[in-house]
Amino acid sequence: MSESKNQTNEQLARHNPFRQATYLKGAAELVQLPADVGIEVAFAGRSNAGKSSALNVICDQKSLARTSKTPGRTQLINLFTLDDQRRLIDLPGYGFAKVSLEIKERWQATLSQYLQHRECLKGLIVLMDIRHPLKDVDQQMIQWAADVGLPTHVLLNKADKLKQGAAKNTLLKVKKQLKEMHPDFTAQNFSALKRTGMDTLMHRLLSWFEYQ
């Protein structure tokens, strides 16, 4: 493990800044978002990718982001504040929810506008089930980010569901495809259940949020 990641682990052992995350509001439209200042990092993913579980683990809170046995129920952009300048953004789950075509198209337009025009957005985490990576909707989300050069990091969640060799092979394939979309986009294996890959993810988040 690199020296920088060791430093990250030591810092988190003393103080995890994400533990202080508190729910701010849910926005149905972009005009309901706070002023476009400070730093935001957004989490996106298909409705069954485990996004809420990952956010809860990162923030060390059991129910900060609601988890549901019915994927796709979150239809708002949910904002969580870390301090007066930093916010975690939980984007609506996509690609699975049983909603009308009209609603899906509205979500799609809202997500696209947010990713491509939000000036304070400094990074995007895209969660995928490692057993079903890079579906068309995932690739569309990543392409929106690539078009504007938004730093993007893919979490292949539920890595505990695969044997180590299979998980490693999947990661290599995803990394190769990501490089074709944008040379600087990255990926890692992750398990919200087992907390696998937390050090790598935290290092990325701390960098984007400019924690020293």
N, C-alpha and C. Protein backbone atom coordinates (compact mmCIF):
# COMPACT_ATOMS: atom_id res chain seq x y z
N MET A 1 0.85 -1.20 0.00
CA MET A 1 0.00 0.00 0.00
C MET A 1 0.88 1.24 0.00
N SER A 2 0.49 2.27 -0.78
CA SER A 2 1.30 3.46 -0.91
C SER A 2 1.30 4.26 0.39
N GLU A 3 2.30 5.16 0.50
CA GLU A 3 2.39 6.00 1.69
C GLU A 3 1.17 6.89 1.82
N SER A 4 0.67 7.41 0.67
CA SER A 4 -0.48 8.30 0.72
C SER A 4 -1.72 7.58 1.23
N LYS A 5 -1.89 6.31 0.87
CA LYS A 5 -3.05 5.56 1.36
C LYS A 5 -2.89 5.22 2.83
N ASN A 6 -1.67 4.98 3.27
CA ASN A 6 -1.45 4.76 4.70
C ASN A 6 -1.82 6.01 5.50
N GLN A 7 -1.46 7.16 4.94
CA GLN A 7 -1.80 8.42 5.59
C GLN A 7 -3.31 8.61 5.65
N THR A 8 -3.99 8.20 4.56
CA THR A 8 -5.45 8.31 4.54
C THR A 8 -6.07 7.45 5.62
N ASN A 9 -5.59 6.21 5.76
CA ASN A 9 -6.12 5.32 6.78
C ASN A 9 -5.90 5.88 8.17
N GLU A 10 -4.74 6.44 8.41
CA GLU A 10 -4.44 7.02 9.72
C GLU A 10 -5.35 8.21 10.00
N GLN A 11 -5.58 9.03 8.97
CA GLN A 11 -6.46 10.18 9.13
C GLN A 11 -7.88 9.74 9.46
N LEU A 12 -8.36 8.72 8.73
CA LEU A 12 -9.72 8.25 8.95
C LEU A 12 -9.87 7.60 10.33
N ALA A 13 -8.80 6.99 10.82
CA ALA A 13 -8.85 6.39 12.14
C ALA A 13 -9.07 7.46 13.20
N ARG A 14 -8.51 8.65 12.95
CA ARG A 14 -8.67 9.76 13.89
C ARG A 14 -9.98 10.51 13.66
N HIS A 15 -10.28 10.73 12.37
CA HIS A 15 -11.45 11.56 12.08
C HIS A 15 -11.91 11.31 10.65
N ASN A 16 -13.07 10.72 10.52
CA ASN A 16 -13.68 10.54 9.21
C ASN A 16 -14.59 11.74 8.95
N PRO A 17 -14.22 12.64 8.05
CA PRO A 17 -15.03 13.86 7.85
C PRO A 17 -16.42 13.56 7.33
N PHE A 18 -16.62 12.37 6.77
CA PHE A 18 -17.93 12.04 6.20
C PHE A 18 -18.94 11.61 7.27
N ARG A 19 -18.45 11.34 8.48
CA ARG A 19 -19.36 10.99 9.57
C ARG A 19 -20.27 12.15 9.93
N GLN A 20 -19.84 13.36 9.63
CA GLN A 20 -20.63 14.53 9.99
C GLN A 20 -21.67 14.88 8.92
N ALA A 21 -21.82 14.02 7.91
CA ALA A 21 -22.80 14.28 6.86
C ALA A 21 -24.21 14.32 7.44
N THR A 22 -24.97 15.32 7.04
CA THR A 22 -26.36 15.44 7.46
C THR A 22 -27.22 15.73 6.24
N TYR A 23 -28.43 15.23 6.28
CA TYR A 23 -29.36 15.44 5.16
C TYR A 23 -29.74 16.91 5.05
N LEU A 24 -29.64 17.45 3.86
CA LEU A 24 -30.00 18.85 3.63
C LEU A 24 -31.38 18.96 3.00
N LYS A 25 -31.56 18.33 1.84
CA LYS A 25 -32.84 18.42 1.14
C LYS A 25 -32.86 17.47 -0.04
N GLY A 26 -34.05 17.27 -0.58
CA GLY A 26 -34.21 16.53 -1.82
C GLY A 26 -34.73 17.49 -2.88
N ALA A 27 -34.09 17.49 -4.03
CA ALA A 27 -34.46 18.42 -5.10
C ALA A 27 -35.04 17.64 -6.28
N ALA A 28 -36.24 18.03 -6.69
CA ALA A 28 -36.87 17.38 -7.84
C ALA A 28 -36.39 18.02 -9.15
N GLU A 29 -35.94 19.28 -9.05
CA GLU A 29 -35.47 20.00 -10.22
C GLU A 29 -34.19 20.74 -9.87
N LEU A 30 -33.40 21.07 -10.89
CA LEU A 30 -32.11 21.71 -10.66
C LEU A 30 -32.26 23.08 -10.00
N VAL A 31 -33.36 23.76 -10.26
CA VAL A 31 -33.55 25.10 -9.67
C VAL A 31 -33.71 25.03 -8.16
N GLN A 32 -33.97 23.83 -7.63
CA GLN A 32 -34.12 23.67 -6.18
C GLN A 32 -32.79 23.39 -5.48
N LEU A 33 -31.71 23.27 -6.25
CA LEU A 33 -30.40 23.01 -5.66
C LEU A 33 -29.86 24.26 -4.98
N PRO A 34 -28.94 24.09 -4.03
CA PRO A 34 -28.30 25.25 -3.41
C PRO A 34 -27.49 26.03 -4.44
N ALA A 35 -27.01 27.19 -4.05
CA ALA A 35 -26.17 28.00 -4.93
C ALA A 35 -24.99 27.17 -5.44
N ASP A 36 -24.60 27.41 -6.67
CA ASP A 36 -23.56 26.63 -7.34
C ASP A 36 -22.16 27.08 -6.87
N VAL A 37 -21.88 26.85 -5.60
CA VAL A 37 -20.59 27.22 -5.02
C VAL A 37 -20.13 26.08 -4.11
N GLY A 38 -18.85 26.11 -3.74
CA GLY A 38 -18.30 25.07 -2.88
C GLY A 38 -17.86 23.85 -3.68
N ILE A 39 -17.97 22.67 -3.06
CA ILE A 39 -17.55 21.42 -3.70
C ILE A 39 -18.65 20.38 -3.53
N GLU A 40 -19.03 19.75 -4.64
CA GLU A 40 -19.96 18.63 -4.61
C GLU A 40 -19.33 17.42 -5.27
N VAL A 41 -19.60 16.26 -4.71
CA VAL A 41 -19.23 14.98 -5.33
C VAL A 41 -20.50 14.16 -5.41
N ALA A 42 -20.81 13.67 -6.59
CA ALA A 42 -22.07 12.97 -6.81
C ALA A 42 -21.88 11.46 -6.92
N PHE A 43 -22.88 10.74 -6.43
CA PHE A 43 -22.93 9.28 -6.54
C PHE A 43 -24.09 8.91 -7.46
N ALA A 44 -23.79 8.09 -8.45
CA ALA A 44 -24.80 7.67 -9.41
C ALA A 44 -24.72 6.16 -9.58
N GLY A 45 -25.80 5.58 -10.10
CA GLY A 45 -25.78 4.14 -10.35
C GLY A 45 -27.16 3.60 -10.63
N ARG A 46 -27.20 2.43 -11.23
CA ARG A 46 -28.47 1.76 -11.44
C ARG A 46 -29.12 1.50 -10.08
N SER A 47 -30.42 1.36 -10.11
CA SER A 47 -31.17 1.33 -8.86
C SER A 47 -30.86 0.13 -7.97
N ASN A 48 -30.23 -0.90 -8.52
CA ASN A 48 -29.89 -2.09 -7.72
C ASN A 48 -28.39 -2.25 -7.54
N ALA A 49 -27.64 -1.15 -7.67
CA ALA A 49 -26.17 -1.23 -7.58
C ALA A 49 -25.66 -1.12 -6.15
N GLY A 50 -26.54 -0.76 -5.20
CA GLY A 50 -26.10 -0.65 -3.81
C GLY A 50 -25.57 0.72 -3.45
N LYS A 51 -26.07 1.75 -4.14
CA LYS A 51 -25.58 3.11 -3.92
C LYS A 51 -25.84 3.60 -2.50
N SER A 52 -27.05 3.39 -2.00
CA SER A 52 -27.39 3.86 -0.66
C SER A 52 -26.54 3.16 0.40
N SER A 53 -26.32 1.87 0.24
CA SER A 53 -25.50 1.12 1.19
C SER A 53 -24.07 1.65 1.19
N ALA A 54 -23.54 1.97 0.02
CA ALA A 54 -22.19 2.50 -0.08
C ALA A 54 -22.08 3.85 0.63
N LEU A 55 -23.05 4.73 0.42
CA LEU A 55 -23.03 6.03 1.08
C LEU A 55 -23.10 5.89 2.59
N ASN A 56 -23.92 4.97 3.06
CA ASN A 56 -24.02 4.75 4.50
C ASN A 56 -22.70 4.26 5.09
N VAL A 57 -22.01 3.38 4.38
CA VAL A 57 -20.72 2.87 4.86
C VAL A 57 -19.68 3.98 4.86
N ILE A 58 -19.63 4.76 3.81
CA ILE A 58 -18.66 5.85 3.72
C ILE A 58 -18.85 6.83 4.87
N CYS A 59 -20.10 7.13 5.17
CA CYS A 59 -20.40 8.12 6.21
C CYS A 59 -20.52 7.48 7.59
N ASP A 60 -20.34 6.15 7.66
CA ASP A 60 -20.41 5.43 8.93
C ASP A 60 -21.72 5.71 9.67
N GLN A 61 -22.80 5.74 8.88
CA GLN A 61 -24.14 5.95 9.42
C GLN A 61 -25.06 4.90 8.81
N LYS A 62 -25.88 4.28 9.64
CA LYS A 62 -26.68 3.15 9.18
C LYS A 62 -27.81 3.54 8.23
N SER A 63 -28.35 4.72 8.38
CA SER A 63 -29.53 5.06 7.59
C SER A 63 -29.49 6.48 7.05
N LEU A 64 -28.29 7.00 6.78
CA LEU A 64 -28.19 8.34 6.20
C LEU A 64 -28.89 8.36 4.84
N ALA A 65 -28.47 7.46 3.97
CA ALA A 65 -29.13 7.29 2.68
C ALA A 65 -30.04 6.08 2.80
N ARG A 66 -31.30 6.28 2.54
CA ARG A 66 -32.26 5.20 2.73
C ARG A 66 -32.02 4.06 1.76
N THR A 67 -32.05 2.84 2.29
CA THR A 67 -31.99 1.66 1.44
C THR A 67 -33.40 1.09 1.35
N SER A 68 -33.68 0.45 0.24
CA SER A 68 -35.02 -0.06 0.02
C SER A 68 -34.98 -1.39 -0.69
N LYS A 69 -35.93 -2.26 -0.36
CA LYS A 69 -36.05 -3.53 -1.05
C LYS A 69 -36.72 -3.36 -2.41
N THR A 70 -37.21 -2.15 -2.68
CA THR A 70 -37.81 -1.84 -3.97
C THR A 70 -36.92 -0.82 -4.67
N PRO A 71 -35.95 -1.28 -5.51
CA PRO A 71 -35.04 -0.35 -6.18
C PRO A 71 -35.80 0.68 -7.00
N GLY A 72 -35.23 1.89 -7.05
CA GLY A 72 -35.79 2.92 -7.90
C GLY A 72 -36.76 3.85 -7.22
N ARG A 73 -36.92 3.74 -5.91
CA ARG A 73 -37.90 4.59 -5.23
C ARG A 73 -37.38 6.01 -5.04
N THR A 74 -36.06 6.19 -5.03
CA THR A 74 -35.49 7.52 -4.86
C THR A 74 -35.59 8.27 -6.18
N GLN A 75 -36.43 9.29 -6.23
CA GLN A 75 -36.65 10.04 -7.45
C GLN A 75 -36.20 11.49 -7.32
N LEU A 76 -35.42 11.77 -6.30
CA LEU A 76 -34.94 13.12 -6.07
C LEU A 76 -33.42 13.15 -6.07
N ILE A 77 -32.87 14.33 -6.30
CA ILE A 77 -31.45 14.55 -6.06
C ILE A 77 -31.32 14.87 -4.58
N ASN A 78 -30.76 13.95 -3.81
CA ASN A 78 -30.66 14.13 -2.36
C ASN A 78 -29.29 14.71 -2.00
N LEU A 79 -29.29 15.73 -1.19
CA LEU A 79 -28.07 16.43 -0.82
C LEU A 79 -27.76 16.23 0.66
N PHE A 80 -26.49 15.95 0.93
CA PHE A 80 -26.00 15.79 2.30
C PHE A 80 -24.83 16.75 2.50
N THR A 81 -24.89 17.55 3.56
CA THR A 81 -23.83 18.52 3.79
C THR A 81 -22.77 17.94 4.72
N LEU A 82 -21.52 18.26 4.41
CA LEU A 82 -20.40 17.93 5.28
C LEU A 82 -20.00 19.15 6.09
N ASP A 83 -20.04 20.31 5.45
CA ASP A 83 -19.87 21.61 6.10
C ASP A 83 -20.48 22.64 5.15
N ASP A 84 -20.23 23.91 5.39
CA ASP A 84 -20.91 24.93 4.58
C ASP A 84 -20.37 25.04 3.16
N GLN A 85 -19.31 24.27 2.86
CA GLN A 85 -18.73 24.33 1.52
C GLN A 85 -18.70 22.98 0.80
N ARG A 86 -19.06 21.90 1.48
CA ARG A 86 -18.91 20.56 0.89
C ARG A 86 -20.22 19.78 1.00
N ARG A 87 -20.58 19.12 -0.12
CA ARG A 87 -21.84 18.36 -0.15
C ARG A 87 -21.65 17.04 -0.90
N LEU A 88 -22.22 15.97 -0.36
CA LEU A 88 -22.37 14.71 -1.06
C LEU A 88 -23.72 14.72 -1.77
N ILE A 89 -23.75 14.25 -3.01
CA ILE A 89 -24.97 14.26 -3.80
C ILE A 89 -25.35 12.83 -4.17
N ASP A 90 -26.56 12.45 -3.80
CA ASP A 90 -27.09 11.12 -4.12
C ASP A 90 -28.07 11.30 -5.29
N LEU A 91 -27.63 10.94 -6.49
CA LEU A 91 -28.46 11.11 -7.68
C LEU A 91 -29.50 10.00 -7.78
N PRO A 92 -30.63 10.26 -8.44
CA PRO A 92 -31.66 9.24 -8.57
C PRO A 92 -31.12 7.97 -9.24
N GLY A 93 -31.51 6.82 -8.72
CA GLY A 93 -31.14 5.57 -9.36
C GLY A 93 -31.75 5.50 -10.75
N TYR A 94 -31.07 4.83 -11.67
CA TYR A 94 -31.56 4.80 -13.05
C TYR A 94 -31.53 3.38 -13.61
N GLY A 95 -32.30 3.17 -14.64
CA GLY A 95 -32.20 1.94 -15.42
C GLY A 95 -32.99 0.75 -14.92
N PHE A 96 -33.68 0.88 -13.79
CA PHE A 96 -34.39 -0.28 -13.24
C PHE A 96 -35.79 0.07 -12.78
N ALA A 97 -35.98 1.30 -12.34
CA ALA A 97 -37.24 1.70 -11.72
C ALA A 97 -38.41 1.51 -12.67
N LYS A 98 -39.50 0.99 -12.11
CA LYS A 98 -40.72 0.78 -12.89
C LYS A 98 -41.56 2.05 -12.88
N VAL A 99 -41.13 2.98 -13.72
CA VAL A 99 -41.86 4.24 -13.82
C VAL A 99 -42.16 4.49 -15.29
N SER A 100 -42.96 5.51 -15.54
CA SER A 100 -43.37 5.80 -16.91
C SER A 100 -42.19 6.31 -17.74
N LEU A 101 -42.31 6.18 -19.06
CA LEU A 101 -41.28 6.67 -19.96
C LEU A 101 -41.08 8.17 -19.81
N GLU A 102 -42.18 8.89 -19.57
CA GLU A 102 -42.10 10.33 -19.40
C GLU A 102 -41.23 10.70 -18.20
N ILE A 103 -41.42 9.99 -17.09
CA ILE A 103 -40.62 10.26 -15.89
C ILE A 103 -39.16 9.90 -16.13
N LYS A 104 -38.91 8.76 -16.77
CA LYS A 104 -37.53 8.36 -17.07
C LYS A 104 -36.83 9.41 -17.94
N GLU A 105 -37.53 9.93 -18.92
CA GLU A 105 -36.93 10.93 -19.79
C GLU A 105 -36.65 12.22 -19.03
N ARG A 106 -37.53 12.56 -18.10
CA ARG A 106 -37.30 13.76 -17.29
C ARG A 106 -36.09 13.58 -16.38
N TRP A 107 -35.97 12.39 -15.75
CA TRP A 107 -34.79 12.10 -14.94
C TRP A 107 -33.53 12.22 -15.78
N GLN A 108 -33.59 11.62 -16.96
CA GLN A 108 -32.42 11.60 -17.85
C GLN A 108 -31.97 13.02 -18.18
N ALA A 109 -32.92 13.87 -18.52
CA ALA A 109 -32.59 15.25 -18.87
C ALA A 109 -32.01 16.00 -17.67
N THR A 110 -32.59 15.77 -16.49
CA THR A 110 -32.11 16.44 -15.27
C THR A 110 -30.69 16.00 -14.92
N LEU A 111 -30.44 14.69 -14.98
CA LEU A 111 -29.11 14.18 -14.67
C LEU A 111 -28.07 14.71 -15.64
N SER A 112 -28.42 14.73 -16.92
CA SER A 112 -27.49 15.23 -17.93
C SER A 112 -27.14 16.68 -17.68
N GLN A 113 -28.15 17.50 -17.40
CA GLN A 113 -27.91 18.92 -17.15
C GLN A 113 -27.07 19.13 -15.90
N TYR A 114 -27.36 18.35 -14.86
CA TYR A 114 -26.60 18.48 -13.61
C TYR A 114 -25.12 18.15 -13.85
N LEU A 115 -24.86 17.02 -14.49
CA LEU A 115 -23.48 16.58 -14.70
C LEU A 115 -22.71 17.53 -15.61
N GLN A 116 -23.38 18.12 -16.57
CA GLN A 116 -22.67 18.89 -17.58
C GLN A 116 -22.61 20.39 -17.29
N HIS A 117 -23.42 20.86 -16.34
CA HIS A 117 -23.47 22.31 -16.12
C HIS A 117 -23.23 22.74 -14.67
N ARG A 118 -23.15 21.82 -13.74
CA ARG A 118 -22.96 22.19 -12.33
C ARG A 118 -21.49 22.50 -12.09
N GLU A 119 -21.16 23.76 -11.89
CA GLU A 119 -19.77 24.19 -11.79
C GLU A 119 -19.07 23.65 -10.53
N CYS A 120 -19.80 23.50 -9.43
CA CYS A 120 -19.16 23.07 -8.18
C CYS A 120 -19.00 21.55 -8.11
N LEU A 121 -19.48 20.83 -9.11
CA LEU A 121 -19.34 19.37 -9.13
C LEU A 121 -17.91 19.01 -9.50
N LYS A 122 -17.19 18.38 -8.57
CA LYS A 122 -15.76 18.11 -8.76
C LYS A 122 -15.46 16.65 -9.03
N GLY A 123 -16.44 15.77 -8.86
CA GLY A 123 -16.18 14.36 -9.10
C GLY A 123 -17.46 13.55 -9.14
N LEU A 124 -17.41 12.43 -9.85
CA LEU A 124 -18.56 11.55 -9.98
C LEU A 124 -18.15 10.12 -9.64
N ILE A 125 -18.88 9.51 -8.71
CA ILE A 125 -18.71 8.09 -8.39
C ILE A 125 -19.86 7.34 -9.05
N VAL A 126 -19.54 6.39 -9.92
CA VAL A 126 -20.56 5.57 -10.57
C VAL A 126 -20.49 4.16 -10.00
N LEU A 127 -21.55 3.75 -9.35
CA LEU A 127 -21.61 2.40 -8.76
C LEU A 127 -22.26 1.43 -9.73
N MET A 128 -21.67 0.23 -9.80
CA MET A 128 -22.23 -0.85 -10.61
C MET A 128 -22.13 -2.15 -9.83
N ASP A 129 -23.06 -3.03 -10.06
CA ASP A 129 -22.96 -4.39 -9.56
C ASP A 129 -21.86 -5.08 -10.38
N ILE A 130 -20.83 -5.56 -9.72
CA ILE A 130 -19.68 -6.14 -10.42
C ILE A 130 -20.09 -7.30 -11.33
N ARG A 131 -21.23 -7.91 -11.04
CA ARG A 131 -21.71 -9.02 -11.87
C ARG A 131 -22.40 -8.54 -13.14
N HIS A 132 -22.73 -7.24 -13.19
CA HIS A 132 -23.43 -6.68 -14.34
C HIS A 132 -22.88 -5.29 -14.66
N PRO A 133 -21.60 -5.18 -15.02
CA PRO A 133 -21.00 -3.86 -15.19
C PRO A 133 -21.27 -3.24 -16.56
N LEU A 134 -21.15 -1.92 -16.59
CA LEU A 134 -21.19 -1.15 -17.83
C LEU A 134 -22.38 -1.46 -18.72
N LYS A 135 -23.57 -1.45 -18.12
CA LYS A 135 -24.78 -1.52 -18.91
C LYS A 135 -24.89 -0.24 -19.74
N ASP A 136 -25.79 -0.24 -20.71
CA ASP A 136 -25.92 0.93 -21.59
C ASP A 136 -26.15 2.22 -20.80
N VAL A 137 -26.98 2.15 -19.76
CA VAL A 137 -27.27 3.36 -18.98
C VAL A 137 -26.04 3.82 -18.19
N ASP A 138 -25.20 2.88 -17.76
CA ASP A 138 -23.96 3.24 -17.09
C ASP A 138 -23.03 3.96 -18.07
N GLN A 139 -22.93 3.41 -19.25
CA GLN A 139 -22.05 4.01 -20.25
C GLN A 139 -22.52 5.40 -20.66
N GLN A 140 -23.83 5.59 -20.70
CA GLN A 140 -24.36 6.90 -21.04
C GLN A 140 -23.99 7.91 -19.97
N MET A 141 -24.14 7.52 -18.70
CA MET A 141 -23.76 8.39 -17.59
C MET A 141 -22.28 8.76 -17.67
N ILE A 142 -21.45 7.77 -17.91
CA ILE A 142 -20.01 8.01 -17.99
C ILE A 142 -19.66 8.87 -19.20
N GLN A 143 -20.37 8.68 -20.30
CA GLN A 143 -20.10 9.48 -21.49
C GLN A 143 -20.44 10.95 -21.26
N TRP A 144 -21.54 11.21 -20.53
CA TRP A 144 -21.87 12.60 -20.19
C TRP A 144 -20.71 13.24 -19.43
N ALA A 145 -20.15 12.47 -18.48
CA ALA A 145 -19.03 12.99 -17.69
C ALA A 145 -17.78 13.17 -18.56
N ALA A 146 -17.55 12.23 -19.46
CA ALA A 146 -16.38 12.31 -20.34
C ALA A 146 -16.46 13.53 -21.25
N ASP A 147 -17.67 13.85 -21.70
CA ASP A 147 -17.84 14.97 -22.63
C ASP A 147 -17.41 16.29 -22.03
N VAL A 148 -17.52 16.42 -20.70
CA VAL A 148 -17.14 17.67 -20.05
C VAL A 148 -15.88 17.52 -19.19
N GLY A 149 -15.24 16.36 -19.27
CA GLY A 149 -14.01 16.14 -18.51
C GLY A 149 -14.22 16.09 -17.01
N LEU A 150 -15.39 15.62 -16.57
CA LEU A 150 -15.67 15.52 -15.13
C LEU A 150 -14.96 14.29 -14.56
N PRO A 151 -14.06 14.45 -13.60
CA PRO A 151 -13.37 13.30 -13.01
C PRO A 151 -14.36 12.24 -12.53
N THR A 152 -14.13 11.00 -12.95
CA THR A 152 -15.07 9.92 -12.67
C THR A 152 -14.34 8.68 -12.17
N HIS A 153 -14.93 8.06 -11.14
CA HIS A 153 -14.36 6.86 -10.54
C HIS A 153 -15.47 5.82 -10.42
N VAL A 154 -15.24 4.62 -10.95
CA VAL A 154 -16.24 3.57 -10.95
C VAL A 154 -16.02 2.62 -9.77
N LEU A 155 -17.08 2.35 -9.03
CA LEU A 155 -17.04 1.36 -7.96
C LEU A 155 -17.76 0.10 -8.44
N LEU A 156 -17.03 -0.98 -8.57
CA LEU A 156 -17.65 -2.26 -8.89
C LEU A 156 -18.06 -2.90 -7.58
N ASN A 157 -19.27 -2.58 -7.17
CA ASN A 157 -19.78 -2.98 -5.86
C ASN A 157 -20.18 -4.46 -5.84
N LYS A 158 -20.35 -4.98 -4.64
CA LYS A 158 -20.72 -6.38 -4.41
C LYS A 158 -19.63 -7.34 -4.88
N ALA A 159 -18.36 -6.88 -4.76
CA ALA A 159 -17.24 -7.71 -5.16
C ALA A 159 -17.15 -9.00 -4.35
N ASP A 160 -17.78 -9.00 -3.17
CA ASP A 160 -17.79 -10.20 -2.33
C ASP A 160 -18.63 -11.32 -2.96
N LYS A 161 -19.41 -11.00 -3.98
CA LYS A 161 -20.26 -12.00 -4.63
C LYS A 161 -19.48 -12.84 -5.64
N LEU A 162 -18.26 -12.41 -5.98
CA LEU A 162 -17.44 -13.15 -6.94
C LEU A 162 -16.17 -13.67 -6.28
N LYS A 163 -15.63 -14.72 -6.84
CA LYS A 163 -14.32 -15.19 -6.40
C LYS A 163 -13.28 -14.16 -6.81
N GLN A 164 -12.15 -14.18 -6.11
CA GLN A 164 -11.14 -13.14 -6.29
C GLN A 164 -10.67 -13.04 -7.73
N GLY A 165 -10.44 -14.18 -8.36
CA GLY A 165 -9.96 -14.17 -9.74
C GLY A 165 -10.96 -13.57 -10.70
N ALA A 166 -12.22 -13.93 -10.54
CA ALA A 166 -13.27 -13.40 -11.41
C ALA A 166 -13.44 -11.91 -11.20
N ALA A 167 -13.36 -11.48 -9.94
CA ALA A 167 -13.49 -10.05 -9.65
C ALA A 167 -12.34 -9.27 -10.27
N LYS A 168 -11.14 -9.81 -10.21
CA LYS A 168 -9.98 -9.14 -10.79
C LYS A 168 -10.10 -9.04 -12.31
N ASN A 169 -10.57 -10.11 -12.95
CA ASN A 169 -10.72 -10.10 -14.40
C ASN A 169 -11.77 -9.08 -14.84
N THR A 170 -12.87 -9.00 -14.08
CA THR A 170 -13.91 -8.03 -14.40
C THR A 170 -13.37 -6.62 -14.29
N LEU A 171 -12.60 -6.35 -13.25
CA LEU A 171 -12.02 -5.03 -13.05
C LEU A 171 -11.11 -4.65 -14.23
N LEU A 172 -10.30 -5.58 -14.67
CA LEU A 172 -9.39 -5.30 -15.79
C LEU A 172 -10.16 -4.96 -17.05
N LYS A 173 -11.24 -5.68 -17.31
CA LYS A 173 -12.07 -5.41 -18.49
C LYS A 173 -12.73 -4.04 -18.41
N VAL A 174 -13.24 -3.71 -17.22
CA VAL A 174 -13.89 -2.42 -17.04
C VAL A 174 -12.88 -1.29 -17.20
N LYS A 175 -11.71 -1.43 -16.63
CA LYS A 175 -10.68 -0.39 -16.76
C LYS A 175 -10.32 -0.16 -18.22
N LYS A 176 -10.21 -1.23 -18.97
CA LYS A 176 -9.87 -1.11 -20.39
C LYS A 176 -10.95 -0.34 -21.14
N GLN A 177 -12.21 -0.64 -20.87
CA GLN A 177 -13.30 0.05 -21.55
C GLN A 177 -13.39 1.50 -21.12
N LEU A 178 -13.13 1.77 -19.84
CA LEU A 178 -13.15 3.15 -19.35
C LEU A 178 -12.09 3.99 -20.04
N LYS A 179 -10.91 3.43 -20.23
CA LYS A 179 -9.82 4.16 -20.88
C LYS A 179 -10.20 4.59 -22.29
N GLU A 180 -11.05 3.80 -22.94
CA GLU A 180 -11.49 4.15 -24.28
C GLU A 180 -12.48 5.32 -24.26
N MET A 181 -13.15 5.50 -23.12
CA MET A 181 -14.11 6.60 -22.98
C MET A 181 -13.42 7.88 -22.51
N HIS A 182 -12.48 7.72 -21.58
CA HIS A 182 -11.69 8.86 -21.10
C HIS A 182 -10.43 8.31 -20.45
N PRO A 183 -9.25 8.80 -20.85
CA PRO A 183 -8.00 8.21 -20.37
C PRO A 183 -7.75 8.33 -18.87
N ASP A 184 -8.42 9.29 -18.22
CA ASP A 184 -8.16 9.52 -16.80
C ASP A 184 -9.20 8.89 -15.87
N PHE A 185 -10.23 8.27 -16.41
CA PHE A 185 -11.24 7.66 -15.57
C PHE A 185 -10.71 6.38 -14.95
N THR A 186 -11.12 6.11 -13.72
CA THR A 186 -10.56 5.00 -12.95
C THR A 186 -11.66 4.10 -12.42
N ALA A 187 -11.25 2.93 -11.91
CA ALA A 187 -12.21 1.97 -11.37
C ALA A 187 -11.54 1.14 -10.29
N GLN A 188 -12.36 0.58 -9.42
CA GLN A 188 -11.87 -0.31 -8.37
C GLN A 188 -12.96 -1.29 -7.99
N ASN A 189 -12.57 -2.40 -7.40
CA ASN A 189 -13.53 -3.32 -6.80
C ASN A 189 -13.91 -2.80 -5.42
N PHE A 190 -15.14 -3.09 -5.01
CA PHE A 190 -15.65 -2.53 -3.77
C PHE A 190 -16.73 -3.46 -3.21
N SER A 191 -16.85 -3.47 -1.90
CA SER A 191 -17.95 -4.18 -1.26
C SER A 191 -18.43 -3.37 -0.07
N ALA A 192 -19.64 -2.82 -0.19
CA ALA A 192 -20.21 -2.09 0.94
C ALA A 192 -20.43 -3.02 2.12
N LEU A 193 -20.76 -4.28 1.83
CA LEU A 193 -21.02 -5.25 2.89
C LEU A 193 -19.76 -5.58 3.67
N LYS A 194 -18.67 -5.84 2.96
CA LYS A 194 -17.41 -6.24 3.59
C LYS A 194 -16.45 -5.07 3.81
N ARG A 195 -16.82 -3.91 3.31
CA ARG A 195 -15.97 -2.70 3.37
C ARG A 195 -14.66 -2.88 2.59
N THR A 196 -14.70 -3.74 1.61
CA THR A 196 -13.54 -3.95 0.75
C THR A 196 -13.33 -2.73 -0.14
N GLY A 197 -12.09 -2.26 -0.21
CA GLY A 197 -11.78 -1.13 -1.08
C GLY A 197 -12.04 0.23 -0.48
N MET A 198 -12.32 0.28 0.82
CA MET A 198 -12.63 1.56 1.45
C MET A 198 -11.45 2.53 1.42
N ASP A 199 -10.24 2.02 1.60
CA ASP A 199 -9.08 2.92 1.65
C ASP A 199 -8.89 3.64 0.32
N THR A 200 -9.02 2.90 -0.79
CA THR A 200 -8.86 3.51 -2.11
C THR A 200 -9.95 4.54 -2.37
N LEU A 201 -11.16 4.20 -2.03
CA LEU A 201 -12.28 5.13 -2.25
C LEU A 201 -12.13 6.38 -1.39
N MET A 202 -11.79 6.21 -0.13
CA MET A 202 -11.64 7.36 0.75
C MET A 202 -10.53 8.30 0.28
N HIS A 203 -9.45 7.72 -0.21
CA HIS A 203 -8.36 8.53 -0.71
C HIS A 203 -8.84 9.41 -1.86
N ARG A 204 -9.65 8.83 -2.73
CA ARG A 204 -10.20 9.58 -3.86
C ARG A 204 -11.12 10.70 -3.38
N LEU A 205 -12.02 10.38 -2.46
CA LEU A 205 -12.98 11.38 -1.98
C LEU A 205 -12.29 12.52 -1.23
N LEU A 206 -11.34 12.18 -0.39
CA LEU A 206 -10.63 13.22 0.35
C LEU A 206 -9.91 14.17 -0.60
N SER A 207 -9.38 13.63 -1.69
CA SER A 207 -8.70 14.46 -2.68
C SER A 207 -9.68 15.39 -3.38
N TRP A 208 -10.81 14.86 -3.81
CA TRP A 208 -11.80 15.69 -4.50
C TRP A 208 -12.36 16.77 -3.61
N PHE A 209 -12.57 16.45 -2.34
CA PHE A 209 -13.12 17.43 -1.40
C PHE A 209 -12.06 18.37 -0.83
N GLU A 210 -10.81 18.15 -1.24
CA GLU A 210 -9.71 19.02 -0.83
C GLU A 210 -9.49 19.04 0.66
N TYR A 211 -9.66 17.85 1.28
CA TYR A 211 -9.30 17.71 2.69
C TYR A 211 -7.78 17.52 2.77
N GLN A 212 -7.16 18.23 3.67
CA GLN A 212 -5.71 18.14 3.83
C GLN A 212 -5.35 17.16 4.93
